[in-house]
C-alpha atoms as a PDB file:
ATOM      1  CA  MET A   1    -158.253   8.986 111.970  1.00  0.00           C
ATOM      2  CA  VAL A   2    -161.989   7.908 110.548  1.00  0.00           C
ATOM      3  CA  ASN A   3    -161.961   5.701 108.033  1.00  0.00           C
ATOM      4  CA  GLY A   4    -164.527   4.046 105.954  1.00  0.00           C
ATOM      5  CA  TYR A   5    -164.462   0.960 103.723  1.00  0.00           C
ATOM      6  CA  PHE A   6    -166.228  -0.154 100.757  1.00  0.00           C
ATOM      7  CA  ASP A   7    -166.471  -4.048  99.593  1.00  0.00           C
ATOM      8  CA  LEU A   8    -166.496  -4.244  95.924  1.00  0.00           C
ATOM      9  CA  GLY A   9    -168.657  -8.177  95.794  1.00  0.00           C
ATOM     10  CA  ASN A  10    -167.254 -11.590  96.325  1.00  0.00           C
ATOM     11  CA  PHE A  11    -165.087 -13.171  93.701  1.00  0.00           C
ATOM     12  CA  ARG A  12    -165.116 -17.070  94.427  1.00  0.00           C
ATOM     13  CA  GLY A  13    -163.700 -16.031  98.451  1.00  0.00           C
ATOM     14  CA  PHE A  14    -162.392 -12.910  97.029  1.00  0.00           C
ATOM     15  CA  VAL A  15    -163.724  -9.377  98.331  1.00  0.00           C
ATOM     16  CA  PRO A  16    -161.672  -6.412  96.928  1.00  0.00           C
ATOM     17  CA  TYR A  17    -162.254  -3.160  98.644  1.00  0.00           C
ATOM     18  CA  VAL A  18    -161.032   0.595  98.670  1.00  0.00           C
ATOM     19  CA  GLY A  19    -161.078   2.810 101.562  1.00  0.00           C
ATOM     20  CA  VAL A  20    -160.518   6.334 102.258  1.00  0.00           C
ATOM     21  CA  GLY A  21    -159.973   8.590 105.796  1.00  0.00           C
ATOM     22  CA  VAL A  22    -159.195  11.651 107.187  1.00  0.00           C
ATOM     23  CA  GLY A  23    -158.354  12.845 110.733  1.00  0.00           C
ATOM     24  CA  LEU A  24    -155.769  15.415 112.279  1.00  0.00           C
ATOM     25  CA  ALA A  25    -152.099  15.076 113.031  1.00  0.00           C
ATOM     26  CA  TYR A  26    -150.362  16.825 115.771  1.00  0.00           C
ATOM     27  CA  HIS A  27    -146.768  17.451 115.163  1.00  0.00           C
ATOM     28  CA  GLN A  28    -144.018  18.601 117.579  1.00  0.00           C
ATOM     29  CA  MET A  29    -140.790  20.130 115.651  1.00  0.00           C
ATOM     30  CA  ASP A  30    -137.893  20.469 118.148  1.00  0.00           C
ATOM     31  CA  ASP A  31    -135.780  23.792 117.763  1.00  0.00           C
ATOM     32  CA  TYR A  32    -133.771  24.085 114.191  1.00  0.00           C
ATOM     33  CA  ARG A  33    -129.899  24.702 115.705  1.00  0.00           C
ATOM     34  CA  PHE A  34    -126.533  25.331 113.603  1.00  0.00           C
ATOM     35  CA  ASP A  35    -123.110  26.682 113.940  1.00  0.00           C
ATOM     36  CA  ILE A  36    -122.041  29.708 112.467  1.00  0.00           C
ATOM     37  CA  PRO A  37    -117.812  29.847 112.716  1.00  0.00           C
ATOM     38  CA  GLY A  38    -116.761  32.536 115.662  1.00  0.00           C
ATOM     39  CA  SER A  39    -120.111  33.231 116.927  1.00  0.00           C
ATOM     40  CA  VAL A  40    -123.265  32.139 118.930  1.00  0.00           C
ATOM     41  CA  PRO A  41    -125.037  29.171 117.374  1.00  0.00           C
ATOM     42  CA  TYR A  42    -127.791  30.006 115.606  1.00  0.00           C
ATOM     43  CA  ARG A  43    -130.927  28.427 116.333  1.00  0.00           C
ATOM     44  CA  VAL A  44    -134.646  28.868 114.965  1.00  0.00           C
ATOM     45  CA  SER A  45    -137.528  27.979 117.696  1.00  0.00           C
ATOM     46  CA  GLY A  46    -139.694  24.918 116.819  1.00  0.00           C
ATOM     47  CA  ASP A  47    -143.102  24.880 116.778  1.00  0.00           C
ATOM     48  CA  ASN A  48    -146.017  22.411 117.083  1.00  0.00           C
ATOM     49  CA  ASP A  49    -148.947  22.153 114.301  1.00  0.00           C
ATOM     50  CA  LEU A  50    -152.134  20.629 114.161  1.00  0.00           C
ATOM     51  CA  THR A  51    -152.787  19.542 110.834  1.00  0.00           C
ATOM     52  CA  LEU A  52    -155.241  17.668 107.927  1.00  0.00           C
ATOM     53  CA  ALA A  53    -154.202  13.944 107.469  1.00  0.00           C
ATOM     54  CA  TRP A  54    -155.723  11.838 104.884  1.00  0.00           C
ATOM     55  CA  SER A  55    -155.389   8.605 103.805  1.00  0.00           C
ATOM     56  CA  ALA A  56    -156.373   5.680 100.893  1.00  0.00           C
ATOM     57  CA  MET A  57    -156.899   2.362 101.052  1.00  0.00           C
ATOM     58  CA  ALA A  58    -156.922  -0.723  99.077  1.00  0.00           C
ATOM     59  CA  GLY A  59    -156.908  -4.523  99.132  1.00  0.00           C
ATOM     60  CA  PHE A  60    -158.501  -7.492  99.503  1.00  0.00           C
ATOM     61  CA  ALA A  61    -159.368 -10.480 101.590  1.00  0.00           C
ATOM     62  CA  TYR A  62    -160.116 -14.175 101.155  1.00  0.00           C
ATOM     63  CA  GLN A  63    -162.068 -15.974 103.549  1.00  0.00           C
ATOM     64  CA  VAL A  64    -160.159 -19.522 104.748  1.00  0.00           C
ATOM     65  CA  SER A  65    -162.524 -21.049 107.005  1.00  0.00           C
ATOM     66  CA  ASP A  66    -165.980 -19.790 108.335  1.00  0.00           C
ATOM     67  CA  ARG A  67    -164.081 -17.855 110.967  1.00  0.00           C
ATOM     68  CA  ALA A  68    -161.180 -16.604 109.772  1.00  0.00           C
ATOM     69  CA  ILE A  69    -160.273 -13.964 106.748  1.00  0.00           C
ATOM     70  CA  LEU A  70    -156.224 -13.324 105.127  1.00  0.00           C
ATOM     71  CA  ASP A  71    -156.528  -9.590 104.452  1.00  0.00           C
ATOM     72  CA  PHE A  72    -153.546  -7.881 102.246  1.00  0.00           C
ATOM     73  CA  GLY A  73    -154.101  -4.190 102.097  1.00  0.00           C
ATOM     74  CA  TYR A  74    -152.258  -1.371 100.916  1.00  0.00           C
ATOM     75  CA  ARG A  75    -152.613   2.510 102.292  1.00  0.00           C
ATOM     76  CA  TYR A  76    -151.377   6.211 101.544  1.00  0.00           C
ATOM     77  CA  LEU A  77    -150.767   8.125 104.000  1.00  0.00           C
ATOM     78  CA  ASP A  78    -150.774  12.003 104.290  1.00  0.00           C
ATOM     79  CA  LEU A  79    -149.678  13.360 107.480  1.00  0.00           C
ATOM     80  CA  GLY A  80    -149.632  16.812 106.323  1.00  0.00           C
ATOM     81  CA  ARG A  81    -146.781  19.185 107.234  1.00  0.00           C
ATOM     82  CA  ALA A  82    -144.390  20.546 110.103  1.00  0.00           C
ATOM     83  CA  ALA A  83    -142.754  23.412 110.635  1.00  0.00           C
ATOM     84  CA  THR A  84    -140.715  25.492 112.954  1.00  0.00           C
ATOM     85  CA  SER A  85    -141.796  29.354 114.018  1.00  0.00           C
ATOM     86  CA  ARG A  86    -140.252  32.662 112.866  1.00  0.00           C
ATOM     87  CA  THR A  87    -138.146  32.960 116.312  1.00  0.00           C
ATOM     88  CA  ASP A  88    -134.657  32.819 116.576  1.00  0.00           C
ATOM     89  CA  ASN A  89    -131.909  33.789 119.290  1.00  0.00           C
ATOM     90  CA  PHE A  90    -130.686  37.324 117.173  1.00  0.00           C
ATOM     91  CA  SER A  91    -133.962  38.745 116.870  1.00  0.00           C
ATOM     92  CA  PHE A  92    -133.713  38.424 113.049  1.00  0.00           C
ATOM     93  CA  THR A  93    -136.811  37.480 111.086  1.00  0.00           C
ATOM     94  CA  PRO A  94    -135.925  34.150 109.705  1.00  0.00           C
ATOM     95  CA  SER A  95    -138.157  31.761 107.085  1.00  0.00           C
ATOM     96  CA  LYS A  96    -139.963  28.818 108.743  1.00  0.00           C
ATOM     97  CA  LEU A  97    -137.968  25.574 108.717  1.00  0.00           C
ATOM     98  CA  SER A  98    -140.651  22.817 107.288  1.00  0.00           C
ATOM     99  CA  VAL A  99    -140.499  19.579 106.075  1.00  0.00           C
ATOM    100  CA  ASP A 100    -143.520  19.165 103.835  1.00  0.00           C
ATOM    101  CA  ASP A 101    -143.595  15.330 102.320  1.00  0.00           C
ATOM    102  CA  MET A 102    -144.573  13.459 105.541  1.00  0.00           C
ATOM    103  CA  THR A 103    -146.030  10.661 103.723  1.00  0.00           C
ATOM    104  CA  ALA A 104    -145.993   6.643 104.117  1.00  0.00           C
ATOM    105  CA  HIS A 105    -146.646   3.135 101.931  1.00  0.00           C
ATOM    106  CA  GLU A 106    -148.024   1.013 103.583  1.00  0.00           C
ATOM    107  CA  PHE A 107    -148.212  -2.931 102.532  1.00  0.00           C
ATOM    108  CA  LYS A 108    -150.167  -4.942 105.249  1.00  0.00           C
ATOM    109  CA  ILE A 109    -151.110  -8.893 105.443  1.00  0.00           C
ATOM    110  CA  GLY A 110    -153.505  -9.173 108.509  1.00  0.00           C
ATOM    111  CA  LEU A 111    -156.006 -12.263 109.777  1.00  0.00           C
ATOM    112  CA  ARG A 112    -159.193 -11.555 110.992  1.00  0.00           C
ATOM    113  CA  TYR A 113    -161.238 -13.792 113.264  1.00  0.00           C
ATOM    114  CA  HIS A 114    -164.571 -14.458 114.547  1.00  0.00           C
ATOM    115  CA  LEU A 115    -164.790 -14.914 118.237  1.00  0.00           C
ATOM    116  CA  GLY A 116    -168.649 -15.151 118.414  1.00  0.00           C
ATOM    117  CA  ASN A 117    -170.697 -18.235 118.630  1.00  0.00           C
ATOM    118  CA  ASP A 118    -173.274 -17.910 116.274  1.00  0.00           C
ATOM    119  CA  GLY A 119    -170.951 -20.027 114.107  1.00  0.00           C
ATOM    120  CA  CYS A 120    -171.774 -17.155 111.098  1.00  0.00           C
ATOM    121  CA  CYS A 121    -168.979 -15.379 109.150  1.00  0.00           C
ATOM    122  CA  ALA A 122    -167.045 -12.190 110.318  1.00  0.00           C
ATOM    123  CA  THR A 123    -168.055  -9.577 107.840  1.00  0.00           C
ATOM    124  CA  PRO A 124    -171.809 -10.138 106.679  1.00  0.00           C
ATOM    125  CA  ASN A 125    -170.725 -10.186 102.734  1.00  0.00           C
ATOM    126  CA  TYR A 126    -168.647 -13.478 103.561  1.00  0.00           C
ATOM    127  CA  ALA A 127    -170.502 -16.508 102.906  1.00  0.00           C
ATOM    128  CA  PRO A 128    -169.426 -19.465 105.917  1.00  0.00           C
ATOM    129  CA  MET A 129    -166.800 -21.895 104.178  1.00  0.00           C
ATOM    130  CA  LYS A 130    -168.864 -25.601 104.047  1.00  0.00           C
END
């Protein structure tokens, strides 16, 4: 995914931000099989799909020292859908079986640490602490 973030300002060391992302998701769905009593198991062939994926992010960061920033964030992620093909082992023409709700809600806590030797902060919007 390609993501972009936008800082909304610096409020006494707290920096809220928002972001969006867009990309592709590759799904491999296995064969779907179920048993029919007194018959050969029915199988619908799996399929591979490349779908649009997107995300929306929000959070805030807080500078705890001149090199360390604590980050609290949320991301909603949508990975599109996966489906089987329309072929089966009985030569019927079945409907595709699909999984439509491939989403996630993620809450993250992170620590950013500036490794450079210039004595400045990790992100230009953050002022070094004194």
